[in-house]
């Protein structure tokens, strides 16, 4: 019996692909009042990014500011960066230890989701305060890629 699990519309440029999940290492201390670019992940194959999500063990607390997460794509061939996700307030995380989907920026075009060998994604955490009262613990970023030929 033929199985047709991963057969999206041809217009989605994903026909004949296989989903692969990858996860960035949990990141540690975030410095207050700066932009923190943290360790990320990528694939050494052509792929299309399908979904991004985040999980954490302890929410950060910042009484005098915010702790915002963005996921950024780094294109290896041109050394350029594209912010992929809308701002996600880590302090507003609804349920600790439960994965939550991240929303893509609405102005992205198809090429922004295409990954070539060597391209990567990484979390960028922006804090606008004098001090972060409680650091986030166990923050992990998950990505679902659809492999391409």
N, C-alpha and C. Protein backbone atom coordinates (compact mmCIF):
# COMPACT_ATOMS: atom_id res chain seq x y z
N UNK A 1 0.85 -1.18 0.00
CA UNK A 1 0.00 0.00 0.00
C UNK A 1 0.89 1.24 0.00
N UNK A 2 0.64 2.14 -0.91
CA UNK A 2 1.43 3.37 -1.00
C UNK A 2 1.08 4.32 0.13
N UNK A 3 2.10 4.88 0.72
CA UNK A 3 1.91 5.87 1.78
C UNK A 3 2.21 7.25 1.20
N UNK A 4 1.43 8.22 1.56
CA UNK A 4 1.57 9.55 0.99
C UNK A 4 1.66 10.58 2.11
N UNK A 5 2.55 10.34 3.08
CA UNK A 5 2.63 11.22 4.23
C UNK A 5 3.11 12.63 3.89
N UNK A 6 4.11 12.73 3.08
CA UNK A 6 4.75 14.02 2.85
C UNK A 6 4.63 14.42 1.39
N UNK A 7 3.41 14.73 0.98
CA UNK A 7 3.18 15.11 -0.40
C UNK A 7 2.42 16.42 -0.46
N UNK A 8 3.08 17.52 -0.10
CA UNK A 8 2.40 18.81 -0.19
C UNK A 8 2.18 19.21 -1.65
N UNK A 9 1.46 20.26 -1.81
CA UNK A 9 1.18 20.75 -3.15
C UNK A 9 2.47 21.08 -3.89
N UNK A 10 2.49 20.83 -5.19
CA UNK A 10 3.68 21.12 -5.99
C UNK A 10 4.04 22.60 -5.91
N UNK A 11 3.05 23.46 -5.75
CA UNK A 11 3.31 24.90 -5.67
C UNK A 11 4.11 25.27 -4.43
N UNK A 12 4.16 24.36 -3.44
CA UNK A 12 4.91 24.63 -2.23
C UNK A 12 6.38 24.25 -2.36
N UNK A 13 6.79 23.77 -3.51
CA UNK A 13 8.18 23.42 -3.80
C UNK A 13 8.73 22.39 -2.81
N UNK A 14 7.88 21.50 -2.30
CA UNK A 14 8.36 20.54 -1.33
C UNK A 14 8.10 19.10 -1.76
N UNK A 15 7.65 18.91 -2.97
CA UNK A 15 7.33 17.57 -3.44
C UNK A 15 8.58 16.70 -3.43
N UNK A 16 8.48 15.51 -2.87
CA UNK A 16 9.62 14.60 -2.83
C UNK A 16 10.60 14.92 -1.72
N UNK A 17 10.14 15.54 -0.65
CA UNK A 17 11.04 15.90 0.44
C UNK A 17 10.73 15.06 1.67
N UNK A 18 11.60 15.14 2.63
CA UNK A 18 11.46 14.39 3.87
C UNK A 18 11.69 15.35 5.04
N UNK A 19 10.84 15.33 6.06
CA UNK A 19 11.03 16.26 7.18
C UNK A 19 12.17 15.81 8.09
N UNK A 20 12.93 16.77 8.57
CA UNK A 20 14.03 16.53 9.50
C UNK A 20 13.92 17.57 10.61
N UNK A 21 14.06 17.11 11.84
CA UNK A 21 14.01 18.02 12.97
C UNK A 21 15.41 18.25 13.48
N UNK A 22 15.71 19.46 13.84
CA UNK A 22 17.00 19.80 14.41
C UNK A 22 16.77 20.73 15.59
N UNK A 23 17.71 20.74 16.49
CA UNK A 23 17.52 21.53 17.71
C UNK A 23 18.81 22.25 18.05
N UNK A 24 18.70 23.52 18.36
CA UNK A 24 19.86 24.29 18.80
C UNK A 24 20.16 23.93 20.25
N UNK A 25 21.42 23.99 20.66
CA UNK A 25 21.73 23.69 22.06
C UNK A 25 21.07 24.71 22.99
N UNK A 26 20.72 24.27 24.19
CA UNK A 26 20.12 25.18 25.16
C UNK A 26 21.11 26.32 25.41
N UNK A 27 20.59 27.55 25.45
CA UNK A 27 21.53 28.65 25.68
C UNK A 27 21.53 29.08 27.13
N UNK A 28 22.63 29.70 27.52
CA UNK A 28 22.84 30.06 28.91
C UNK A 28 22.50 31.50 29.21
N UNK A 29 23.37 32.16 29.92
CA UNK A 29 23.13 33.50 30.42
C UNK A 29 22.96 34.51 29.30
N UNK A 30 21.95 35.36 29.46
CA UNK A 30 21.68 36.46 28.54
C UNK A 30 22.10 37.75 29.22
N UNK A 31 22.90 38.55 28.54
CA UNK A 31 23.36 39.81 29.09
C UNK A 31 22.29 40.88 28.93
N UNK A 32 22.06 41.64 29.99
CA UNK A 32 21.04 42.69 29.97
C UNK A 32 21.46 43.86 29.08
N UNK A 33 20.46 44.51 28.48
CA UNK A 33 20.61 45.74 27.72
C UNK A 33 21.50 45.62 26.49
N UNK A 34 21.54 44.43 25.89
CA UNK A 34 22.28 44.23 24.64
C UNK A 34 21.53 43.22 23.78
N UNK A 35 22.02 43.06 22.56
CA UNK A 35 21.52 42.01 21.67
C UNK A 35 22.45 40.81 21.80
N UNK A 36 21.90 39.66 22.18
CA UNK A 36 22.66 38.44 22.39
C UNK A 36 22.43 37.49 21.22
N UNK A 37 23.46 37.21 20.43
CA UNK A 37 23.39 36.20 19.37
C UNK A 37 23.92 34.91 19.97
N UNK A 38 23.10 33.88 19.99
CA UNK A 38 23.41 32.66 20.73
C UNK A 38 23.62 31.48 19.79
N UNK A 39 24.17 30.35 20.30
CA UNK A 39 24.45 29.21 19.43
C UNK A 39 23.20 28.71 18.71
N UNK A 40 23.37 28.35 17.45
CA UNK A 40 22.24 27.92 16.64
C UNK A 40 22.46 26.55 16.03
N UNK A 41 21.75 26.31 14.93
CA UNK A 41 21.80 25.02 14.26
C UNK A 41 21.58 25.21 12.76
N UNK A 42 21.85 24.18 12.02
CA UNK A 42 21.61 24.23 10.58
C UNK A 42 21.75 22.85 9.99
N UNK A 43 21.62 22.77 8.70
CA UNK A 43 21.77 21.51 7.97
C UNK A 43 22.82 21.70 6.89
N UNK A 44 23.50 20.64 6.57
CA UNK A 44 24.47 20.71 5.48
C UNK A 44 23.88 20.08 4.23
N UNK A 45 22.65 20.50 3.94
CA UNK A 45 21.91 20.05 2.76
C UNK A 45 20.96 21.17 2.35
N UNK A 46 20.45 21.06 1.14
CA UNK A 46 19.40 21.98 0.73
C UNK A 46 18.12 21.60 1.44
N UNK A 47 17.39 22.59 1.92
CA UNK A 47 16.16 22.32 2.67
C UNK A 47 15.27 23.55 2.64
N UNK A 48 14.02 23.32 3.05
CA UNK A 48 13.05 24.40 3.22
C UNK A 48 12.65 24.39 4.69
N UNK A 49 12.68 25.55 5.30
CA UNK A 49 12.25 25.67 6.70
C UNK A 49 10.73 25.64 6.75
N UNK A 50 10.18 24.74 7.56
CA UNK A 50 8.72 24.60 7.64
C UNK A 50 8.16 25.21 8.92
N UNK A 51 8.82 24.96 10.06
CA UNK A 51 8.29 25.42 11.35
C UNK A 51 9.43 25.69 12.32
N UNK A 52 9.15 26.58 13.27
CA UNK A 52 10.06 26.86 14.37
C UNK A 52 9.26 26.84 15.66
N UNK A 53 9.89 26.36 16.73
CA UNK A 53 9.24 26.37 18.03
C UNK A 53 10.28 26.56 19.12
N UNK A 54 9.80 26.83 20.33
CA UNK A 54 10.68 27.09 21.47
C UNK A 54 10.13 26.37 22.69
N UNK A 55 11.05 25.98 23.57
CA UNK A 55 10.70 25.32 24.82
C UNK A 55 11.67 25.85 25.88
N UNK A 56 11.22 25.92 27.12
CA UNK A 56 12.12 26.32 28.20
C UNK A 56 11.70 25.71 29.52
N UNK A 57 12.64 25.66 30.45
CA UNK A 57 12.38 25.09 31.79
C UNK A 57 12.01 26.17 32.79
N UNK A 58 12.65 27.34 32.69
CA UNK A 58 12.38 28.45 33.61
C UNK A 58 12.25 29.74 32.80
N UNK A 59 11.16 30.47 33.02
CA UNK A 59 10.96 31.74 32.33
C UNK A 59 11.89 32.81 32.91
N UNK A 60 12.38 33.71 32.05
CA UNK A 60 13.16 34.82 32.59
C UNK A 60 12.22 35.83 33.27
N UNK A 61 12.76 36.57 34.20
CA UNK A 61 12.02 37.65 34.86
C UNK A 61 12.87 38.91 34.73
N UNK A 62 12.24 39.97 34.26
CA UNK A 62 12.93 41.24 34.06
C UNK A 62 11.98 42.36 34.47
N UNK A 63 12.14 42.84 35.69
CA UNK A 63 11.19 43.81 36.26
C UNK A 63 11.23 45.16 35.54
N UNK A 64 12.36 45.53 34.97
CA UNK A 64 12.46 46.87 34.37
C UNK A 64 12.63 46.84 32.85
N UNK A 65 12.24 45.73 32.21
CA UNK A 65 12.37 45.67 30.76
C UNK A 65 11.76 44.40 30.20
N UNK A 66 12.19 44.04 29.00
CA UNK A 66 11.67 42.85 28.34
C UNK A 66 12.81 41.95 27.88
N UNK A 67 12.49 40.68 27.66
CA UNK A 67 13.44 39.70 27.11
C UNK A 67 12.76 39.10 25.89
N UNK A 68 13.21 39.52 24.71
CA UNK A 68 12.56 39.17 23.45
C UNK A 68 13.43 38.20 22.65
N UNK A 69 12.79 37.16 22.11
CA UNK A 69 13.46 36.17 21.28
C UNK A 69 13.10 36.39 19.82
N UNK A 70 14.09 36.30 18.97
CA UNK A 70 13.90 36.29 17.51
C UNK A 70 14.78 35.18 16.95
N UNK A 71 14.33 34.54 15.90
CA UNK A 71 15.15 33.53 15.24
C UNK A 71 15.64 34.16 13.93
N UNK A 72 16.94 34.02 13.69
CA UNK A 72 17.58 34.68 12.56
C UNK A 72 18.23 33.62 11.65
N UNK A 73 18.10 33.82 10.36
CA UNK A 73 18.76 32.96 9.37
C UNK A 73 20.05 33.64 8.93
N UNK A 74 21.13 32.87 8.90
CA UNK A 74 22.39 33.38 8.36
C UNK A 74 22.67 32.63 7.06
N UNK A 75 22.74 33.38 5.97
CA UNK A 75 23.01 32.81 4.64
C UNK A 75 24.53 32.77 4.45
N UNK A 76 25.08 31.58 4.33
CA UNK A 76 26.53 31.42 4.28
C UNK A 76 27.15 32.06 3.05
N UNK A 77 26.52 31.92 1.89
CA UNK A 77 27.13 32.39 0.64
C UNK A 77 27.27 33.91 0.58
N UNK A 78 26.39 34.64 1.25
CA UNK A 78 26.45 36.11 1.20
C UNK A 78 26.72 36.73 2.56
N UNK A 79 26.83 35.90 3.60
CA UNK A 79 27.06 36.37 4.97
C UNK A 79 26.02 37.43 5.36
N UNK A 80 24.75 37.17 5.00
CA UNK A 80 23.66 38.08 5.34
C UNK A 80 22.74 37.42 6.35
N UNK A 81 21.98 38.24 7.05
CA UNK A 81 21.05 37.75 8.06
C UNK A 81 19.64 38.21 7.74
N UNK A 82 18.66 37.34 8.03
CA UNK A 82 17.25 37.65 7.87
C UNK A 82 16.52 37.23 9.14
N UNK A 83 15.80 38.15 9.75
CA UNK A 83 14.99 37.80 10.92
C UNK A 83 13.78 37.03 10.42
N UNK A 84 13.60 35.80 10.94
CA UNK A 84 12.53 34.93 10.47
C UNK A 84 11.26 35.02 11.29
N UNK A 85 11.39 35.27 12.59
CA UNK A 85 10.21 35.21 13.46
C UNK A 85 9.83 36.58 14.01
N UNK A 86 8.55 36.67 14.33
CA UNK A 86 8.07 37.85 15.03
C UNK A 86 8.64 37.82 16.45
N UNK A 87 8.67 38.97 17.10
CA UNK A 87 9.17 39.03 18.48
C UNK A 87 8.37 38.08 19.36
N UNK A 88 9.09 37.30 20.17
CA UNK A 88 8.45 36.38 21.11
C UNK A 88 8.92 36.75 22.51
N UNK A 89 7.98 37.12 23.37
CA UNK A 89 8.29 37.55 24.73
C UNK A 89 8.53 36.33 25.61
N UNK A 90 9.80 36.07 25.95
CA UNK A 90 10.12 34.90 26.77
C UNK A 90 9.51 34.99 28.17
N UNK A 91 9.33 36.20 28.68
CA UNK A 91 8.69 36.36 30.00
C UNK A 91 7.21 35.98 29.95
N UNK A 92 6.61 36.10 28.79
CA UNK A 92 5.19 35.80 28.63
C UNK A 92 4.93 34.35 28.24
N UNK A 93 5.94 33.51 28.30
CA UNK A 93 5.79 32.10 27.95
C UNK A 93 4.65 31.52 28.77
N UNK A 94 3.66 30.95 28.12
CA UNK A 94 2.44 30.55 28.83
C UNK A 94 2.60 29.32 29.71
N UNK A 95 3.20 28.25 29.20
CA UNK A 95 3.35 27.04 29.99
C UNK A 95 4.78 26.56 29.91
N UNK A 96 5.48 26.62 31.03
CA UNK A 96 6.86 26.18 31.08
C UNK A 96 6.92 24.69 30.75
N UNK A 97 7.98 24.29 30.05
CA UNK A 97 8.22 22.90 29.68
C UNK A 97 7.22 22.39 28.65
N UNK A 98 6.62 23.29 27.91
CA UNK A 98 5.72 22.93 26.82
C UNK A 98 6.15 23.69 25.58
N UNK A 99 6.30 22.99 24.48
CA UNK A 99 6.76 23.62 23.25
C UNK A 99 5.70 24.57 22.70
N UNK A 100 6.16 25.74 22.28
CA UNK A 100 5.27 26.74 21.69
C UNK A 100 5.78 27.13 20.31
N UNK A 101 4.86 27.23 19.37
CA UNK A 101 5.21 27.61 18.00
C UNK A 101 5.61 29.07 17.93
N UNK A 102 6.56 29.36 17.06
CA UNK A 102 6.95 30.74 16.79
C UNK A 102 6.32 31.17 15.48
N UNK A 103 5.88 32.41 15.41
CA UNK A 103 5.23 32.94 14.20
C UNK A 103 6.27 33.58 13.29
N UNK A 104 6.16 33.29 12.01
CA UNK A 104 7.07 33.89 11.03
C UNK A 104 6.70 35.35 10.78
N UNK A 105 7.71 36.14 10.44
CA UNK A 105 7.50 37.52 10.02
C UNK A 105 6.64 37.48 8.75
N UNK A 106 5.64 38.32 8.68
CA UNK A 106 4.67 38.26 7.58
C UNK A 106 5.23 38.74 6.24
N UNK A 107 6.34 39.45 6.24
CA UNK A 107 6.90 40.00 5.00
C UNK A 107 7.92 39.08 4.34
N UNK A 108 8.14 37.88 4.89
CA UNK A 108 9.11 36.96 4.29
C UNK A 108 8.63 36.50 2.92
N UNK A 109 9.59 36.21 2.05
CA UNK A 109 9.28 35.66 0.72
C UNK A 109 9.79 34.22 0.68
N UNK A 110 9.41 33.46 -0.35
CA UNK A 110 9.79 32.05 -0.44
C UNK A 110 11.29 31.82 -0.26
N UNK A 111 12.10 32.68 -0.84
CA UNK A 111 13.55 32.50 -0.76
C UNK A 111 14.06 32.54 0.68
N UNK A 112 13.36 33.24 1.56
CA UNK A 112 13.78 33.32 2.96
C UNK A 112 13.67 31.98 3.67
N UNK A 113 12.81 31.10 3.18
CA UNK A 113 12.62 29.78 3.78
C UNK A 113 13.55 28.72 3.18
N UNK A 114 14.19 29.05 2.05
CA UNK A 114 15.11 28.13 1.38
C UNK A 114 16.48 28.18 2.04
N UNK A 115 17.02 27.01 2.35
CA UNK A 115 18.33 26.90 2.96
C UNK A 115 19.25 26.12 2.04
N UNK A 116 20.46 26.63 1.84
CA UNK A 116 21.49 25.93 1.09
C UNK A 116 22.48 25.34 2.08
N UNK A 117 23.38 24.50 1.58
CA UNK A 117 24.39 23.92 2.45
C UNK A 117 25.17 25.03 3.14
N UNK A 118 25.31 24.93 4.44
CA UNK A 118 26.07 25.92 5.21
C UNK A 118 25.23 27.02 5.83
N UNK A 119 23.99 27.19 5.37
CA UNK A 119 23.12 28.19 6.00
C UNK A 119 22.73 27.71 7.39
N UNK A 120 22.39 28.64 8.27
CA UNK A 120 22.04 28.25 9.64
C UNK A 120 21.00 29.20 10.21
N UNK A 121 20.46 28.80 11.35
CA UNK A 121 19.57 29.67 12.12
C UNK A 121 20.15 29.79 13.52
N UNK A 122 19.87 30.91 14.17
CA UNK A 122 20.32 31.08 15.54
C UNK A 122 19.35 31.97 16.30
N UNK A 123 19.25 31.77 17.62
CA UNK A 123 18.39 32.63 18.44
C UNK A 123 19.09 33.95 18.75
N UNK A 124 18.33 35.01 18.65
CA UNK A 124 18.80 36.35 19.04
C UNK A 124 17.88 36.81 20.17
N UNK A 125 18.46 37.08 21.32
CA UNK A 125 17.68 37.53 22.47
C UNK A 125 18.06 38.97 22.74
N UNK A 126 17.03 39.81 22.80
CA UNK A 126 17.23 41.25 23.01
C UNK A 126 16.63 41.63 24.35
N UNK A 127 17.45 42.28 25.16
CA UNK A 127 17.00 42.75 26.46
C UNK A 127 17.18 44.26 26.50
N UNK A 128 16.20 44.95 27.07
CA UNK A 128 16.29 46.41 27.13
C UNK A 128 16.23 46.91 28.57
N UNK A 129 16.92 46.22 29.47
CA UNK A 129 16.82 46.57 30.88
C UNK A 129 18.20 46.74 31.51
N UNK A 130 18.20 47.23 32.74
CA UNK A 130 19.45 47.37 33.48
C UNK A 130 19.98 46.03 33.96
N UNK A 131 19.06 45.13 34.32
CA UNK A 131 19.46 43.80 34.81
C UNK A 131 18.32 42.81 34.60
N UNK A 132 18.68 41.58 34.30
CA UNK A 132 17.69 40.51 34.20
C UNK A 132 17.65 39.85 35.57
N UNK A 133 16.47 39.89 36.21
CA UNK A 133 16.34 39.40 37.58
C UNK A 133 16.48 37.88 37.67
N UNK A 134 15.85 37.14 36.76
CA UNK A 134 15.95 35.69 36.72
C UNK A 134 16.26 35.28 35.29
N UNK A 135 17.35 34.55 35.10
CA UNK A 135 17.73 34.09 33.78
C UNK A 135 16.80 32.95 33.33
N UNK A 136 16.54 32.88 32.05
CA UNK A 136 15.82 31.74 31.48
C UNK A 136 16.72 30.51 31.60
N UNK A 137 16.10 29.36 31.82
CA UNK A 137 16.87 28.11 31.94
C UNK A 137 16.32 27.10 30.93
N UNK A 138 17.23 26.43 30.25
CA UNK A 138 16.83 25.34 29.35
C UNK A 138 16.09 25.77 28.11
N UNK A 139 16.38 26.94 27.60
CA UNK A 139 15.70 27.41 26.38
C UNK A 139 16.25 26.64 25.19
N UNK A 140 15.37 26.00 24.43
CA UNK A 140 15.77 25.26 23.25
C UNK A 140 14.90 25.65 22.07
N UNK A 141 15.55 25.76 20.93
CA UNK A 141 14.87 26.12 19.68
C UNK A 141 14.81 24.87 18.81
N UNK A 142 13.61 24.52 18.34
CA UNK A 142 13.45 23.39 17.44
C UNK A 142 13.06 23.91 16.05
N UNK A 143 13.61 23.27 15.04
CA UNK A 143 13.30 23.64 13.66
C UNK A 143 12.92 22.39 12.88
N UNK A 144 11.90 22.53 12.03
CA UNK A 144 11.53 21.45 11.13
C UNK A 144 11.91 21.88 9.72
N UNK A 145 12.80 21.12 9.12
CA UNK A 145 13.24 21.37 7.74
C UNK A 145 12.69 20.28 6.84
N UNK A 146 12.39 20.62 5.60
CA UNK A 146 12.01 19.65 4.59
C UNK A 146 13.16 19.58 3.60
N UNK A 147 13.80 18.41 3.53
CA UNK A 147 14.98 18.23 2.68
C UNK A 147 14.60 18.32 1.21
N UNK A 148 15.54 18.89 0.44
CA UNK A 148 15.35 19.02 -1.00
C UNK A 148 16.51 18.37 -1.73
N UNK A 149 16.27 18.07 -2.98
CA UNK A 149 17.35 17.48 -3.79
C UNK A 149 18.31 18.54 -4.26
